[in-house]
Amino acid sequence: MTIEDILTRLPSKADLLNAAGLDNRHTFNGDLLTAIGIFGAGMMLGAGLALLFAPKPGEELRQEIAEKFNEVNRRFSSEGPEQSSSRPLA
């Protein structure tokens, strides 16, 4: 018996759902979440490639990213959760 034989004998997703009494349906929300997830992964990949091919040297770029991260971190830590929720969005 080979691995291919074992894999062909495994039940499919539809078989498992039917055995559990569930239906394999596509919903708008499920499809929307999938699309948003793929879009988010693409954005992260694009941001990573942008950093990789940035015209600045690596050390300078890492220093700027660290400064921006620290600035955002200070901003969120100085605002309490009660202050940031009551503040109107601009």
PDB file of N, CA and C in Angstrom:
ATOM      1  N   MET A   1       0.848  -1.172   0.000  1.00  0.00           N
ATOM      2  CA  MET A   1       0.000   0.000   0.000  1.00  0.00           C
ATOM      3  C   MET A   1       0.898   1.240   0.000  1.00  0.00           C
ATOM      4  N   THR A   2       0.603   2.149  -0.917  1.00  0.00           N
ATOM      5  CA  THR A   2       1.398   3.366  -1.036  1.00  0.00           C
ATOM      6  C   THR A   2       0.644   4.542  -0.424  1.00  0.00           C
ATOM      7  N   ILE A   3       1.318   5.655  -0.328  1.00  0.00           N
ATOM      8  CA  ILE A   3       0.703   6.863   0.221  1.00  0.00           C
ATOM      9  C   ILE A   3      -0.429   7.330  -0.683  1.00  0.00           C
ATOM     10  N   GLU A   4      -0.250   7.184  -1.997  1.00  0.00           N
ATOM     11  CA  GLU A   4      -1.304   7.584  -2.929  1.00  0.00           C
ATOM     12  C   GLU A   4      -2.585   6.793  -2.676  1.00  0.00           C
ATOM     13  N   ASP A   5      -2.444   5.495  -2.392  1.00  0.00           N
ATOM     14  CA  ASP A   5      -3.616   4.673  -2.094  1.00  0.00           C
ATOM     15  C   ASP A   5      -4.323   5.159  -0.833  1.00  0.00           C
ATOM     16  N   ILE A   6      -3.544   5.500   0.172  1.00  0.00           N
ATOM     17  CA  ILE A   6      -4.122   5.978   1.426  1.00  0.00           C
ATOM     18  C   ILE A   6      -4.849   7.302   1.198  1.00  0.00           C
ATOM     19  N   LEU A   7      -4.205   8.205   0.442  1.00  0.00           N
ATOM     20  CA  LEU A   7      -4.805   9.512   0.192  1.00  0.00           C
ATOM     21  C   LEU A   7      -6.090   9.414  -0.625  1.00  0.00           C
ATOM     22  N   THR A   8      -6.160   8.487  -1.566  1.00  0.00           N
ATOM     23  CA  THR A   8      -7.382   8.357  -2.363  1.00  0.00           C
ATOM     24  C   THR A   8      -8.523   7.758  -1.551  1.00  0.00           C
ATOM     25  N   ARG A   9      -8.223   7.038  -0.487  1.00  0.00           N
ATOM     26  CA  ARG A   9      -9.264   6.426   0.336  1.00  0.00           C
ATOM     27  C   ARG A   9      -9.767   7.348   1.445  1.00  0.00           C
ATOM     28  N   LEU A  10      -9.094   8.469   1.680  1.00  0.00           N
ATOM     29  CA  LEU A  10      -9.543   9.403   2.711  1.00  0.00           C
ATOM     30  C   LEU A  10     -10.847  10.067   2.275  1.00  0.00           C
ATOM     31  N   PRO A  11     -11.720  10.370   3.232  1.00  0.00           N
ATOM     32  CA  PRO A  11     -12.972  11.053   2.864  1.00  0.00           C
ATOM     33  C   PRO A  11     -12.712  12.505   2.483  1.00  0.00           C
ATOM     34  N   SER A  12     -13.556  13.012   1.617  1.00  0.00           N
ATOM     35  CA  SER A  12     -13.439  14.404   1.190  1.00  0.00           C
ATOM     36  C   SER A  12     -14.096  15.321   2.222  1.00  0.00           C
ATOM     37  N   LYS A  13     -13.931  16.609   2.023  1.00  0.00           N
ATOM     38  CA  LYS A  13     -14.560  17.598   2.907  1.00  0.00           C
ATOM     39  C   LYS A  13     -16.073  17.457   2.860  1.00  0.00           C
ATOM     40  N   ALA A  14     -16.622  17.276   1.664  1.00  0.00           N
ATOM     41  CA  ALA A  14     -18.063  17.117   1.516  1.00  0.00           C
ATOM     42  C   ALA A  14     -18.551  15.860   2.239  1.00  0.00           C
ATOM     43  N   ASP A  15     -17.780  14.762   2.168  1.00  0.00           N
ATOM     44  CA  ASP A  15     -18.148  13.532   2.872  1.00  0.00           C
ATOM     45  C   ASP A  15     -18.193  13.746   4.381  1.00  0.00           C
ATOM     46  N   LEU A  16     -17.200  14.454   4.909  1.00  0.00           N
ATOM     47  CA  LEU A  16     -17.157  14.714   6.346  1.00  0.00           C
ATOM     48  C   LEU A  16     -18.315  15.599   6.787  1.00  0.00           C
ATOM     49  N   LEU A  17     -18.618  16.640   5.991  1.00  0.00           N
ATOM     50  CA  LEU A  17     -19.733  17.520   6.330  1.00  0.00           C
ATOM     51  C   LEU A  17     -21.063  16.780   6.272  1.00  0.00           C
ATOM     52  N   ASN A  18     -21.237  15.929   5.263  1.00  0.00           N
ATOM     53  CA  ASN A  18     -22.463  15.144   5.167  1.00  0.00           C
ATOM     54  C   ASN A  18     -22.594  14.180   6.335  1.00  0.00           C
ATOM     55  N   ALA A  19     -21.507  13.578   6.773  1.00  0.00           N
ATOM     56  CA  ALA A  19     -21.543  12.646   7.901  1.00  0.00           C
ATOM     57  C   ALA A  19     -21.927  13.374   9.185  1.00  0.00           C
ATOM     58  N   ALA A  20     -21.542  14.645   9.302  1.00  0.00           N
ATOM     59  CA  ALA A  20     -21.871  15.427  10.491  1.00  0.00           C
ATOM     60  C   ALA A  20     -23.246  16.079  10.374  1.00  0.00           C
ATOM     61  N   GLY A  21     -23.908  15.894   9.242  1.00  0.00           N
ATOM     62  CA  GLY A  21     -25.230  16.486   9.047  1.00  0.00           C
ATOM     63  C   GLY A  21     -25.178  17.949   8.667  1.00  0.00           C
ATOM     64  N   LEU A  22     -24.067  18.381   8.134  1.00  0.00           N
ATOM     65  CA  LEU A  22     -23.914  19.780   7.725  1.00  0.00           C
ATOM     66  C   LEU A  22     -23.927  19.880   6.214  1.00  0.00           C
ATOM     67  N   ASP A  23     -24.143  21.101   5.725  1.00  0.00           N
ATOM     68  CA  ASP A  23     -24.205  21.329   4.291  1.00  0.00           C
ATOM     69  C   ASP A  23     -23.022  22.195   3.885  1.00  0.00           C
ATOM     70  N   ASN A  24     -22.411  21.879   2.754  1.00  0.00           N
ATOM     71  CA  ASN A  24     -21.277  22.645   2.246  1.00  0.00           C
ATOM     72  C   ASN A  24     -21.812  23.728   1.317  1.00  0.00           C
ATOM     73  N   ARG A  25     -22.027  24.922   1.872  1.00  0.00           N
ATOM     74  CA  ARG A  25     -22.582  26.028   1.096  1.00  0.00           C
ATOM     75  C   ARG A  25     -21.622  27.202   1.081  1.00  0.00           C
ATOM     76  N   HIS A  26     -21.695  27.948   0.020  1.00  0.00           N
ATOM     77  CA  HIS A  26     -20.952  29.200  -0.062  1.00  0.00           C
ATOM     78  C   HIS A  26     -21.886  30.321   0.360  1.00  0.00           C
ATOM     79  N   THR A  27     -21.402  31.177   1.242  1.00  0.00           N
ATOM     80  CA  THR A  27     -22.181  32.324   1.664  1.00  0.00           C
ATOM     81  C   THR A  27     -21.448  33.597   1.269  1.00  0.00           C
ATOM     82  N   PHE A  28     -22.202  34.666   1.175  1.00  0.00           N
ATOM     83  CA  PHE A  28     -21.589  35.944   0.824  1.00  0.00           C
ATOM     84  C   PHE A  28     -20.554  36.350   1.867  1.00  0.00           C
ATOM     85  N   ASN A  29     -20.892  36.187   3.153  1.00  0.00           N
ATOM     86  CA  ASN A  29     -19.963  36.570   4.219  1.00  0.00           C
ATOM     87  C   ASN A  29     -18.690  35.734   4.174  1.00  0.00           C
ATOM     88  N   GLY A  30     -18.838  34.444   3.943  1.00  0.00           N
ATOM     89  CA  GLY A  30     -17.662  33.584   3.859  1.00  0.00           C
ATOM     90  C   GLY A  30     -16.773  33.953   2.696  1.00  0.00           C
ATOM     91  N   ASP A  31     -17.393  34.216   1.547  1.00  0.00           N
ATOM     92  CA  ASP A  31     -16.622  34.616   0.375  1.00  0.00           C
ATOM     93  C   ASP A  31     -15.978  35.989   0.576  1.00  0.00           C
ATOM     94  N   LEU A  32     -16.685  36.894   1.247  1.00  0.00           N
ATOM     95  CA  LEU A  32     -16.135  38.217   1.508  1.00  0.00           C
ATOM     96  C   LEU A  32     -14.933  38.136   2.447  1.00  0.00           C
ATOM     97  N   LEU A  33     -15.051  37.324   3.491  1.00  0.00           N
ATOM     98  CA  LEU A  33     -13.920  37.163   4.417  1.00  0.00           C
ATOM     99  C   LEU A  33     -12.718  36.541   3.713  1.00  0.00           C
ATOM    100  N   THR A  34     -12.964  35.598   2.829  1.00  0.00           N
ATOM    101  CA  THR A  34     -11.867  35.001   2.061  1.00  0.00           C
ATOM    102  C   THR A  34     -11.195  36.053   1.192  1.00  0.00           C
ATOM    103  N   ALA A  35     -11.987  36.872   0.522  1.00  0.00           N
ATOM    104  CA  ALA A  35     -11.431  37.918  -0.337  1.00  0.00           C
ATOM    105  C   ALA A  35     -10.637  38.934   0.478  1.00  0.00           C
ATOM    106  N   ILE A  36     -11.154  39.315   1.642  1.00  0.00           N
ATOM    107  CA  ILE A  36     -10.440  40.269   2.496  1.00  0.00           C
ATOM    108  C   ILE A  36      -9.134  39.664   2.989  1.00  0.00           C
ATOM    109  N   GLY A  37      -9.159  38.391   3.332  1.00  0.00           N
ATOM    110  CA  GLY A  37      -7.939  37.717   3.780  1.00  0.00           C
ATOM    111  C   GLY A  37      -6.884  37.670   2.693  1.00  0.00           C
ATOM    112  N   ILE A  38      -7.300  37.346   1.472  1.00  0.00           N
ATOM    113  CA  ILE A  38      -6.349  37.308   0.354  1.00  0.00           C
ATOM    114  C   ILE A  38      -5.815  38.712   0.069  1.00  0.00           C
ATOM    115  N   PHE A  39      -6.691  39.709   0.120  1.00  0.00           N
ATOM    116  CA  PHE A  39      -6.267  41.092  -0.104  1.00  0.00           C
ATOM    117  C   PHE A  39      -5.255  41.518   0.962  1.00  0.00           C
ATOM    118  N   GLY A  40      -5.534  41.185   2.243  1.00  0.00           N
ATOM    119  CA  GLY A  40      -4.616  41.533   3.332  1.00  0.00           C
ATOM    120  C   GLY A  40      -3.265  40.853   3.175  1.00  0.00           C
ATOM    121  N   ALA A  41      -3.281  39.586   2.777  1.00  0.00           N
ATOM    122  CA  ALA A  41      -2.016  38.878   2.559  1.00  0.00           C
ATOM    123  C   ALA A  41      -1.234  39.516   1.420  1.00  0.00           C
ATOM    124  N   GLY A  42      -1.938  39.936   0.377  1.00  0.00           N
ATOM    125  CA  GLY A  42      -1.275  40.616  -0.732  1.00  0.00           C
ATOM    126  C   GLY A  42      -0.680  41.951  -0.320  1.00  0.00           C
ATOM    127  N   MET A  43      -1.399  42.665   0.548  1.00  0.00           N
ATOM    128  CA  MET A  43      -0.865  43.942   1.038  1.00  0.00           C
ATOM    129  C   MET A  43       0.403  43.723   1.850  1.00  0.00           C
ATOM    130  N   MET A  44       0.390  42.700   2.705  1.00  0.00           N
ATOM    131  CA  MET A  44       1.571  42.426   3.517  1.00  0.00           C
ATOM    132  C   MET A  44       2.743  42.001   2.638  1.00  0.00           C
ATOM    133  N   LEU A  45       2.476  41.188   1.640  1.00  0.00           N
ATOM    134  CA  LEU A  45       3.528  40.779   0.717  1.00  0.00           C
ATOM    135  C   LEU A  45       4.071  41.992  -0.035  1.00  0.00           C
ATOM    136  N   GLY A  46       3.175  42.860  -0.492  1.00  0.00           N
ATOM    137  CA  GLY A  46       3.606  44.068  -1.194  1.00  0.00           C
ATOM    138  C   GLY A  46       4.426  44.988  -0.312  1.00  0.00           C
ATOM    139  N   ALA A  47       4.019  45.125   0.954  1.00  0.00           N
ATOM    140  CA  ALA A  47       4.790  45.974   1.878  1.00  0.00           C
ATOM    141  C   ALA A  47       6.173  45.378   2.119  1.00  0.00           C
ATOM    142  N   GLY A  48       6.238  44.075   2.248  1.00  0.00           N
ATOM    143  CA  GLY A  48       7.535  43.428   2.438  1.00  0.00           C
ATOM    144  C   GLY A  48       8.443  43.612   1.230  1.00  0.00           C
ATOM    145  N   LEU A  49       7.879  43.468   0.042  1.00  0.00           N
ATOM    146  CA  LEU A  49       8.683  43.674  -1.166  1.00  0.00           C
ATOM    147  C   LEU A  49       9.094  45.132  -1.312  1.00  0.00           C
ATOM    148  N   ALA A  50       8.217  46.050  -0.921  1.00  0.00           N
ATOM    149  CA  ALA A  50       8.570  47.473  -0.982  1.00  0.00           C
ATOM    150  C   ALA A  50       9.740  47.772  -0.053  1.00  0.00           C
ATOM    151  N   LEU A  51       9.732  47.172   1.134  1.00  0.00           N
ATOM    152  CA  LEU A  51      10.852  47.373   2.051  1.00  0.00           C
ATOM    153  C   LEU A  51      12.123  46.736   1.508  1.00  0.00           C
ATOM    154  N   LEU A  52      11.966  45.594   0.868  1.00  0.00           N
ATOM    155  CA  LEU A  52      13.127  44.888   0.332  1.00  0.00           C
ATOM    156  C   LEU A  52      13.796  45.683  -0.785  1.00  0.00           C
ATOM    157  N   PHE A  53      12.998  46.312  -1.632  1.00  0.00           N
ATOM    158  CA  PHE A  53      13.540  47.036  -2.772  1.00  0.00           C
ATOM    159  C   PHE A  53      13.559  48.539  -2.567  1.00  0.00           C
ATOM    160  N   ALA A  54      13.517  49.010  -1.323  1.00  0.00           N
ATOM    161  CA  ALA A  54      13.526  50.440  -1.025  1.00  0.00           C
ATOM    162  C   ALA A  54      14.872  51.043  -1.416  1.00  0.00           C
ATOM    163  N   PRO A  55      14.857  52.315  -1.850  1.00  0.00           N
ATOM    164  CA  PRO A  55      16.106  52.941  -2.295  1.00  0.00           C
ATOM    165  C   PRO A  55      17.038  53.343  -1.154  1.00  0.00           C
ATOM    166  N   LYS A  56      16.562  53.290   0.095  1.00  0.00           N
ATOM    167  CA  LYS A  56      17.410  53.670   1.217  1.00  0.00           C
ATOM    168  C   LYS A  56      18.217  52.457   1.693  1.00  0.00           C
ATOM    169  N   PRO A  57      19.368  52.723   2.329  1.00  0.00           N
ATOM    170  CA  PRO A  57      20.122  51.611   2.905  1.00  0.00           C
ATOM    171  C   PRO A  57      19.332  50.939   4.034  1.00  0.00           C
ATOM    172  N   GLY A  58      19.597  49.686   4.271  1.00  0.00           N
ATOM    173  CA  GLY A  58      18.864  48.903   5.252  1.00  0.00           C
ATOM    174  C   GLY A  58      18.895  49.484   6.652  1.00  0.00           C
ATOM    175  N   GLU A  59      20.058  49.920   7.107  1.00  0.00           N
ATOM    176  CA  GLU A  59      20.185  50.454   8.463  1.00  0.00           C
ATOM    177  C   GLU A  59      19.333  51.698   8.635  1.00  0.00           C
ATOM    178  N   GLU A  60      19.367  52.599   7.658  1.00  0.00           N
ATOM    179  CA  GLU A  60      18.576  53.833   7.730  1.00  0.00           C
ATOM    180  C   GLU A  60      17.081  53.518   7.706  1.00  0.00           C
ATOM    181  N   LEU A  61      16.685  52.580   6.874  1.00  0.00           N
ATOM    182  CA  LEU A  61      15.276  52.195   6.771  1.00  0.00           C
ATOM    183  C   LEU A  61      14.792  51.557   8.063  1.00  0.00           C
ATOM    184  N   ARG A  62      15.604  50.663   8.637  1.00  0.00           N
ATOM    185  CA  ARG A  62      15.217  50.026   9.907  1.00  0.00           C
ATOM    186  C   ARG A  62      15.105  51.053  11.022  1.00  0.00           C
ATOM    187  N   GLN A  63      15.995  52.048  11.025  1.00  0.00           N
ATOM    188  CA  GLN A  63      15.947  53.085  12.049  1.00  0.00           C
ATOM    189  C   GLN A  63      14.667  53.915  11.906  1.00  0.00           C
ATOM    190  N   GLU A  64      14.283  54.262  10.690  1.00  0.00           N
ATOM    191  CA  GLU A  64      13.059  55.031  10.479  1.00  0.00           C
ATOM    192  C   GLU A  64      11.826  54.225  10.883  1.00  0.00           C
ATOM    193  N   ILE A  65      11.819  52.946  10.550  1.00  0.00           N
ATOM    194  CA  ILE A  65      10.683  52.095  10.929  1.00  0.00           C
ATOM    195  C   ILE A  65      10.586  52.005  12.446  1.00  0.00           C
ATOM    196  N   ALA A  66      11.712  51.837  13.123  1.00  0.00           N
ATOM    197  CA  ALA A  66      11.721  51.760  14.585  1.00  0.00           C
ATOM    198  C   ALA A  66      11.233  53.069  15.201  1.00  0.00           C
ATOM    199  N   GLU A  67      11.649  54.203  14.635  1.00  0.00           N
ATOM    200  CA  GLU A  67      11.198  55.500  15.149  1.00  0.00           C
ATOM    201  C   GLU A  67       9.691  55.663  14.987  1.00  0.00           C
ATOM    202  N   LYS A  68       9.163  55.307  13.819  1.00  0.00           N
ATOM    203  CA  LYS A  68       7.719  55.408  13.590  1.00  0.00           C
ATOM    204  C   LYS A  68       6.949  54.486  14.528  1.00  0.00           C
ATOM    205  N   PHE A  69       7.461  53.270  14.710  1.00  0.00           N
ATOM    206  CA  PHE A  69       6.811  52.322  15.605  1.00  0.00           C
ATOM    207  C   PHE A  69       6.804  52.854  17.035  1.00  0.00           C
ATOM    208  N   ASN A  70       7.918  53.407  17.486  1.00  0.00           N
ATOM    209  CA  ASN A  70       7.990  53.971  18.836  1.00  0.00           C
ATOM    210  C   ASN A  70       7.058  55.165  18.991  1.00  0.00           C
ATOM    211  N   GLU A  71       6.942  55.986  17.939  1.00  0.00           N
ATOM    212  CA  GLU A  71       6.046  57.140  17.982  1.00  0.00           C
ATOM    213  C   GLU A  71       4.586  56.692  18.116  1.00  0.00           C
ATOM    214  N   VAL A  72       4.190  55.709  17.338  1.00  0.00           N
ATOM    215  CA  VAL A  72       2.818  55.192  17.415  1.00  0.00           C
ATOM    216  C   VAL A  72       2.594  54.539  18.777  1.00  0.00           C
ATOM    217  N   ASN A  73       3.575  53.807  19.254  1.00  0.00           N
ATOM    218  CA  ASN A  73       3.465  53.145  20.553  1.00  0.00           C
ATOM    219  C   ASN A  73       3.311  54.168  21.675  1.00  0.00           C
ATOM    220  N   ARG A  74       4.085  55.248  21.623  1.00  0.00           N
ATOM    221  CA  ARG A  74       3.961  56.305  22.632  1.00  0.00           C
ATOM    222  C   ARG A  74       2.599  56.974  22.562  1.00  0.00           C
ATOM    223  N   ARG A  75       2.103  57.191  21.360  1.00  0.00           N
ATOM    224  CA  ARG A  75       0.811  57.845  21.190  1.00  0.00           C
ATOM    225  C   ARG A  75      -0.304  56.992  21.793  1.00  0.00           C
ATOM    226  N   PHE A  76      -0.263  55.678  21.535  1.00  0.00           N
ATOM    227  CA  PHE A  76      -1.302  54.800  22.072  1.00  0.00           C
ATOM    228  C   PHE A  76      -1.151  54.586  23.572  1.00  0.00           C
ATOM    229  N   SER A  77       0.074  54.570  24.077  1.00  0.00           N
ATOM    230  CA  SER A  77       0.258  54.363  25.512  1.00  0.00           C
ATOM    231  C   SER A  77      -0.066  55.624  26.308  1.00  0.00           C
ATOM    232  N   SER A  78       0.096  56.810  25.698  1.00  0.00           N
ATOM    233  CA  SER A  78      -0.230  58.044  26.418  1.00  0.00           C
ATOM    234  C   SER A  78      -1.737  58.272  26.459  1.00  0.00           C
ATOM    235  N   GLU A  79      -2.458  57.746  25.474  1.00  0.00           N
ATOM    236  CA  GLU A  79      -3.920  57.843  25.469  1.00  0.00           C
ATOM    237  C   GLU A  79      -4.459  56.586  26.132  1.00  0.00           C
ATOM    238  N   GLY A  80      -5.267  56.772  27.133  1.00  0.00           N
ATOM    239  CA  GLY A  80      -5.901  55.619  27.756  1.00  0.00           C
ATOM    240  C   GLY A  80      -7.019  55.110  26.874  1.00  0.00           C
ATOM    241  N   PRO A  81      -7.506  53.899  27.122  1.00  0.00           N
ATOM    242  CA  PRO A  81      -8.600  53.382  26.298  1.00  0.00           C
ATOM    243  C   PRO A  81      -9.859  54.244  26.400  1.00  0.00           C
ATOM    244  N   GLU A  82     -10.089  54.859  27.579  1.00  0.00           N
ATOM    245  CA  GLU A  82     -11.260  55.708  27.719  1.00  0.00           C
ATOM    246  C   GLU A  82     -11.089  57.022  26.967  1.00  0.00           C
ATOM    247  N   GLN A  83      -9.848  57.519  26.849  1.00  0.00           N
ATOM    248  CA  GLN A  83      -9.610  58.774  26.139  1.00  0.00           C
ATOM    249  C   GLN A  83      -9.710  58.579  24.632  1.00  0.00           C
ATOM    250  N   SER A  84      -9.158  57.473  24.122  1.00  0.00           N
ATOM    251  CA  SER A  84      -9.146  57.281  22.685  1.00  0.00           C
ATOM    252  C   SER A  84     -10.530  56.974  22.146  1.00  0.00           C
ATOM    253  N   SER A  85     -11.419  56.350  22.948  1.00  0.00           N
ATOM    254  CA  SER A  85     -12.763  56.043  22.458  1.00  0.00           C
ATOM    255  C   SER A  85     -13.670  57.261  22.456  1.00  0.00           C
ATOM    256  N   SER A  86     -13.400  58.236  23.337  1.00  0.00           N
ATOM    257  CA  SER A  86     -14.247  59.424  23.383  1.00  0.00           C
ATOM    258  C   SER A  86     -13.782  60.500  22.412  1.00  0.00           C
ATOM    259  N   ARG A  87     -12.606  60.330  21.857  1.00  0.00           N
ATOM    260  CA  ARG A  87     -12.053  61.318  20.949  1.00  0.00           C
ATOM    261  C   ARG A  87     -12.652  61.144  19.554  1.00  0.00           C
ATOM    262  N   PRO A  88     -13.160  62.208  18.938  1.00  0.00           N
ATOM    263  CA  PRO A  88     -13.765  62.067  17.599  1.00  0.00           C
ATOM    264  C   PRO A  88     -12.690  61.756  16.555  1.00  0.00           C
ATOM    265  N   LEU A  89     -13.087  60.982  15.577  1.00  0.00           N
ATOM    266  CA  LEU A  89     -12.183  60.653  14.485  1.00  0.00           C
ATOM    267  C   LEU A  89     -12.132  61.810  13.498  1.00  0.00           C
ATOM    268  N   ALA A  90     -10.935  62.138  13.036  1.00  0.00           N
ATOM    269  CA  ALA A  90     -10.796  63.248  12.094  1.00  0.00           C
ATOM    270  C   ALA A  90     -10.668  62.749  10.692  1.00  0.00           C
TER     271      ALA A  90
END
